[in-house]
Amino acid sequence: MSTKFYRIHLSEFWNAIADSLWRHARSTPPGGTETLLAGRDRVRASLKERSCVLPESSLAAESGNKVAETLLNAFLIRGHSHFTGVPCSLLKGFFRLLEDLDCPAAYIPAPREDSALGVASGLAVAGAKPVVLMQNSGLGYSLNVLTSFNLIYDVHLPIVVSWRGHDGKDAVEHDIIGRELTRLLDVFGLPWTVLDNERPEDSVEAFFKQYDSGRCTAVLIVREGI
């Protein structure tokens, strides 16, 4: 982490939000106070110790989506607690897990991929271990954030990118980015690994070696749907 940034303890950050909810609740008309207090309590509850793996009754176990479950558990056991990004059909199983009420991780939806990078970067500076999810079509305008902030100030993130158009048989707007995705990542020095749905543990392990515990921004490419 660059010394140009002040490190803010994550619990202090969330407690400040919780206290802000409480102060606002005191001036809220009747009926709104209970909702705000409930929000404050949920924020504080999120600071408590959570299970580091999905429960057996999770949606992944019910649907048989073992690849998505393997990937999410790999992040969770390494302490990654926050996920943000824009949904993609190739990642729908993974997003479904994040939206499950039993999921031990926090999911923060984002309107754009570069916005997701901004949210994740703020969380990283505050001491959390976030993960960014995006479709490869959103990588183009995300490169400005990566090259002007993350890669300069060593705020490195693990990024999961779906590979639309990899076989040239997708919608036409994915043709060029699908063909050039890996070359584009190479140009900007972003190490990448393609997720092998047959042996997900091996490719996930290779990806985390590239990420190197936050010392390098690495990309896990999802070519087949999970």
Protein backbone atom coordinates (compact mmCIF):
# COMPACT_ATOMS: atom_id res chain seq x y z
CA MET A 1 0.00 0.00 0.00
CA SER A 2 1.42 3.40 -0.95
CA THR A 3 2.45 5.71 1.91
CA LYS A 4 0.62 8.51 0.07
CA PHE A 5 -2.62 7.21 1.54
CA TYR A 6 -3.76 7.26 5.13
CA ARG A 7 -4.90 3.85 6.22
CA ILE A 8 -8.32 3.97 7.87
CA HIS A 9 -9.34 1.04 10.01
CA LEU A 10 -12.38 -0.57 8.42
CA SER A 11 -14.29 -0.93 11.68
CA GLU A 12 -13.90 2.81 12.33
CA PHE A 13 -15.18 3.54 8.84
CA TRP A 14 -18.32 1.45 9.24
CA ASN A 15 -18.92 2.60 12.80
CA ALA A 16 -18.87 6.18 11.54
CA ILE A 17 -21.60 5.26 9.07
CA ALA A 18 -23.58 3.55 11.82
CA ASP A 19 -23.31 6.58 14.11
CA SER A 20 -24.36 8.85 11.26
CA LEU A 21 -27.50 6.73 10.83
CA TRP A 22 -28.22 7.10 14.52
CA ARG A 23 -27.80 10.89 14.51
CA HIS A 24 -30.07 11.16 11.50
CA ALA A 25 -32.62 8.89 13.13
CA ARG A 26 -33.02 11.31 16.03
CA SER A 27 -34.34 13.95 13.64
CA THR A 28 -36.42 11.57 11.53
CA PRO A 29 -40.25 11.72 11.67
CA PRO A 30 -42.06 8.87 13.48
CA GLY A 31 -42.02 5.66 11.51
CA GLY A 32 -38.64 6.28 9.92
CA THR A 33 -36.57 5.91 13.07
CA GLU A 34 -37.03 2.14 13.33
CA THR A 35 -35.88 1.68 9.73
CA LEU A 36 -32.74 3.75 10.26
CA LEU A 37 -31.92 2.02 13.52
CA ALA A 38 -32.31 -1.33 11.82
CA GLY A 39 -29.89 -0.14 9.12
CA ARG A 40 -27.41 0.95 11.78
CA ASP A 41 -27.62 -2.42 13.49
CA ARG A 42 -27.08 -4.25 10.20
CA VAL A 43 -23.96 -2.20 9.52
CA ARG A 44 -22.55 -2.97 12.96
CA ALA A 45 -23.52 -6.62 12.66
CA SER A 46 -21.49 -6.84 9.47
CA LEU A 47 -18.38 -6.15 11.54
CA LYS A 48 -18.84 -9.33 13.53
CA GLU A 49 -17.03 -12.52 12.64
CA ARG A 50 -18.69 -14.32 9.73
CA SER A 51 -18.37 -17.85 8.46
CA CYS A 52 -15.60 -18.04 5.87
CA VAL A 53 -17.42 -20.53 3.65
CA LEU A 54 -20.90 -20.88 2.22
CA PRO A 55 -23.33 -22.96 4.29
CA GLU A 56 -24.31 -26.35 2.95
CA SER A 57 -27.84 -25.13 2.33
CA SER A 58 -26.61 -22.36 0.04
CA LEU A 59 -28.09 -21.73 -3.39
CA ALA A 60 -24.99 -23.15 -5.03
CA ALA A 61 -25.54 -26.53 -3.35
CA GLU A 62 -29.17 -26.53 -4.41
CA SER A 63 -28.48 -25.66 -8.04
CA GLY A 64 -25.32 -27.72 -8.49
CA ASN A 65 -23.35 -24.65 -9.51
CA LYS A 66 -20.12 -26.01 -8.06
CA VAL A 67 -17.77 -23.83 -10.09
CA ALA A 68 -19.29 -20.60 -8.80
CA GLU A 69 -19.30 -22.01 -5.28
CA THR A 70 -15.65 -23.09 -5.55
CA LEU A 71 -14.64 -19.64 -6.74
CA LEU A 72 -16.58 -17.78 -4.06
CA ASN A 73 -15.27 -20.02 -1.29
CA ALA A 74 -11.73 -19.48 -2.56
CA PHE A 75 -12.20 -15.73 -2.10
CA LEU A 76 -13.90 -16.08 1.27
CA ILE A 77 -11.27 -18.30 2.88
CA ARG A 78 -8.64 -15.74 1.84
CA GLY A 79 -10.51 -12.99 3.64
CA HIS A 80 -12.20 -11.24 0.72
CA SER A 81 -15.34 -9.80 2.29
CA HIS A 82 -16.75 -7.35 -0.27
CA PHE A 83 -17.75 -7.85 -3.90
CA THR A 84 -18.80 -5.16 -6.34
CA GLY A 85 -19.47 -5.08 -10.06
CA VAL A 86 -21.93 -5.21 -12.93
CA PRO A 87 -23.84 -8.44 -13.66
CA CYS A 88 -23.14 -10.48 -16.78
CA SER A 89 -24.88 -13.59 -18.08
CA LEU A 90 -21.60 -15.55 -17.89
CA LEU A 91 -21.35 -14.69 -14.19
CA LYS A 92 -25.01 -15.06 -13.26
CA GLY A 93 -24.43 -18.06 -10.99
CA PHE A 94 -21.77 -16.17 -9.07
CA PHE A 95 -23.98 -13.09 -8.68
CA ARG A 96 -26.84 -15.33 -7.56
CA LEU A 97 -24.65 -16.61 -4.74
CA LEU A 98 -23.72 -13.07 -3.70
CA GLU A 99 -27.38 -12.06 -3.59
CA ASP A 100 -28.32 -15.06 -1.46
CA LEU A 101 -29.24 -13.98 2.09
CA ASP A 102 -27.01 -16.75 3.45
CA CYS A 103 -23.92 -15.45 1.68
CA PRO A 104 -21.31 -14.35 4.25
CA ALA A 105 -19.91 -11.67 1.92
CA ALA A 106 -21.20 -8.16 1.23
CA TYR A 107 -22.32 -7.45 -2.34
CA ILE A 108 -22.37 -3.83 -3.55
CA PRO A 109 -24.01 -3.43 -6.99
CA ALA A 110 -22.41 -0.90 -9.32
CA PRO A 111 -23.91 1.00 -12.30
CA ARG A 112 -20.65 0.81 -14.30
CA GLU A 113 -17.46 -1.19 -14.15
CA ASP A 114 -15.26 1.84 -13.54
CA SER A 115 -17.55 2.80 -10.65
CA ALA A 116 -17.05 -0.67 -9.22
CA LEU A 117 -13.29 -0.13 -9.35
CA GLY A 118 -13.73 3.14 -7.46
CA VAL A 119 -15.83 1.49 -4.74
CA ALA A 120 -13.40 -1.41 -4.42
CA SER A 121 -10.41 0.94 -4.31
CA GLY A 122 -11.96 2.90 -1.45
CA LEU A 123 -12.63 -0.30 0.44
CA ALA A 124 -9.08 -1.48 -0.16
CA VAL A 125 -7.59 1.77 1.13
CA ALA A 126 -9.84 1.44 4.20
CA GLY A 127 -8.40 -2.00 4.91
CA ALA A 128 -10.95 -4.36 3.35
CA LYS A 129 -10.24 -7.04 0.73
CA PRO A 130 -12.70 -6.37 -2.11
CA VAL A 131 -13.22 -8.15 -5.42
CA VAL A 132 -14.35 -6.53 -8.70
CA LEU A 133 -16.55 -8.34 -11.22
CA MET A 134 -17.12 -7.12 -14.76
CA GLN A 135 -17.89 -8.07 -18.33
CA ASN A 136 -15.01 -7.63 -20.74
CA SER A 137 -16.99 -4.95 -22.58
CA GLY A 138 -16.56 -2.76 -19.50
CA LEU A 139 -12.81 -3.22 -19.37
CA GLY A 140 -12.16 -0.46 -21.92
CA TYR A 141 -13.26 2.50 -19.83
CA SER A 142 -12.03 0.78 -16.67
CA LEU A 143 -8.47 0.96 -17.99
CA ASN A 144 -8.39 4.69 -17.25
CA VAL A 145 -9.07 4.02 -13.56
CA LEU A 146 -6.55 1.20 -13.46
CA THR A 147 -3.74 3.07 -15.20
CA SER A 148 -4.27 6.46 -13.54
CA PHE A 149 -4.92 5.21 -10.02
CA ASN A 150 -4.66 1.54 -9.08
CA LEU A 151 -1.45 0.67 -10.90
CA ILE A 152 0.23 3.96 -9.98
CA TYR A 153 -0.56 3.94 -6.26
CA ASP A 154 -0.35 0.17 -5.75
CA VAL A 155 -4.00 -0.27 -4.83
CA HIS A 156 -4.15 -3.71 -6.35
CA LEU A 157 -7.38 -5.64 -6.76
CA PRO A 158 -8.46 -9.11 -7.87
CA ILE A 159 -10.71 -8.72 -10.92
CA VAL A 160 -13.05 -11.33 -12.37
CA VAL A 161 -13.80 -10.64 -16.05
CA SER A 162 -16.26 -12.54 -18.23
CA TRP A 163 -15.05 -13.29 -21.77
CA ARG A 164 -17.89 -12.43 -24.10
CA GLY A 165 -17.10 -12.94 -27.79
CA HIS A 166 -14.14 -15.23 -27.22
CA ASP A 167 -15.29 -17.61 -29.95
CA GLY A 168 -16.51 -14.97 -32.41
CA LYS A 169 -20.09 -16.26 -32.13
CA ASP A 170 -21.48 -13.73 -29.64
CA ALA A 171 -23.32 -10.47 -30.28
CA VAL A 172 -21.41 -8.28 -32.72
CA GLU A 173 -20.49 -5.65 -30.11
CA HIS A 174 -18.34 -8.27 -28.36
CA ASP A 175 -16.33 -9.29 -31.44
CA ILE A 176 -13.34 -6.95 -31.08
CA ILE A 177 -12.97 -6.98 -27.29
CA GLY A 178 -13.52 -10.73 -27.34
CA ARG A 179 -10.74 -11.21 -29.88
CA GLU A 180 -8.30 -8.79 -28.24
CA LEU A 181 -8.99 -9.29 -24.52
CA THR A 182 -5.85 -11.18 -23.53
CA ARG A 183 -3.60 -9.03 -25.74
CA LEU A 184 -5.10 -5.92 -24.13
CA LEU A 185 -4.34 -7.24 -20.66
CA ASP A 186 -0.78 -8.06 -21.74
CA VAL A 187 -0.27 -4.51 -23.05
CA PHE A 188 -1.12 -3.06 -19.63
CA GLY A 189 0.87 -5.66 -17.72
CA LEU A 190 -2.13 -7.28 -16.05
CA PRO A 191 -1.49 -11.00 -15.45
CA TRP A 192 -4.45 -13.21 -16.26
CA THR A 193 -5.71 -16.76 -15.88
CA VAL A 194 -8.61 -18.42 -17.71
CA LEU A 195 -10.95 -20.27 -15.35
CA ASP A 196 -11.09 -23.97 -16.20
CA ASN A 197 -14.60 -25.16 -15.37
CA GLU A 198 -13.42 -28.78 -15.35
CA ARG A 199 -10.64 -28.11 -12.84
CA PRO A 200 -11.56 -24.78 -11.19
CA GLU A 201 -9.35 -25.31 -8.15
CA ASP A 202 -6.18 -25.34 -10.28
CA SER A 203 -6.95 -22.18 -12.23
CA VAL A 204 -8.15 -20.35 -9.11
CA GLU A 205 -4.90 -21.26 -7.37
CA ALA A 206 -2.89 -19.96 -10.35
CA PHE A 207 -4.89 -16.74 -10.29
CA PHE A 208 -4.19 -16.13 -6.60
CA LYS A 209 -0.49 -16.71 -7.17
CA GLN A 210 -0.60 -13.93 -9.77
CA TYR A 211 -2.52 -11.68 -7.39
CA ASP A 212 0.24 -12.36 -4.85
CA SER A 213 -1.68 -11.32 -1.73
CA GLY A 214 -2.48 -7.88 -3.11
CA ARG A 215 0.90 -7.07 -4.61
CA CYS A 216 -0.37 -7.25 -8.20
CA THR A 217 -3.67 -6.52 -9.95
CA ALA A 218 -4.63 -9.83 -11.55
CA VAL A 219 -7.51 -10.91 -13.76
CA LEU A 220 -9.44 -14.17 -13.66
CA ILE A 221 -11.16 -14.67 -17.03
CA VAL A 222 -14.44 -16.58 -17.05
CA ARG A 223 -14.89 -18.02 -20.56
CA GLU A 224 -17.69 -20.48 -19.83
CA GLY A 225 -20.71 -19.51 -17.78
CA ILE A 226 -20.70 -20.10 -14.04
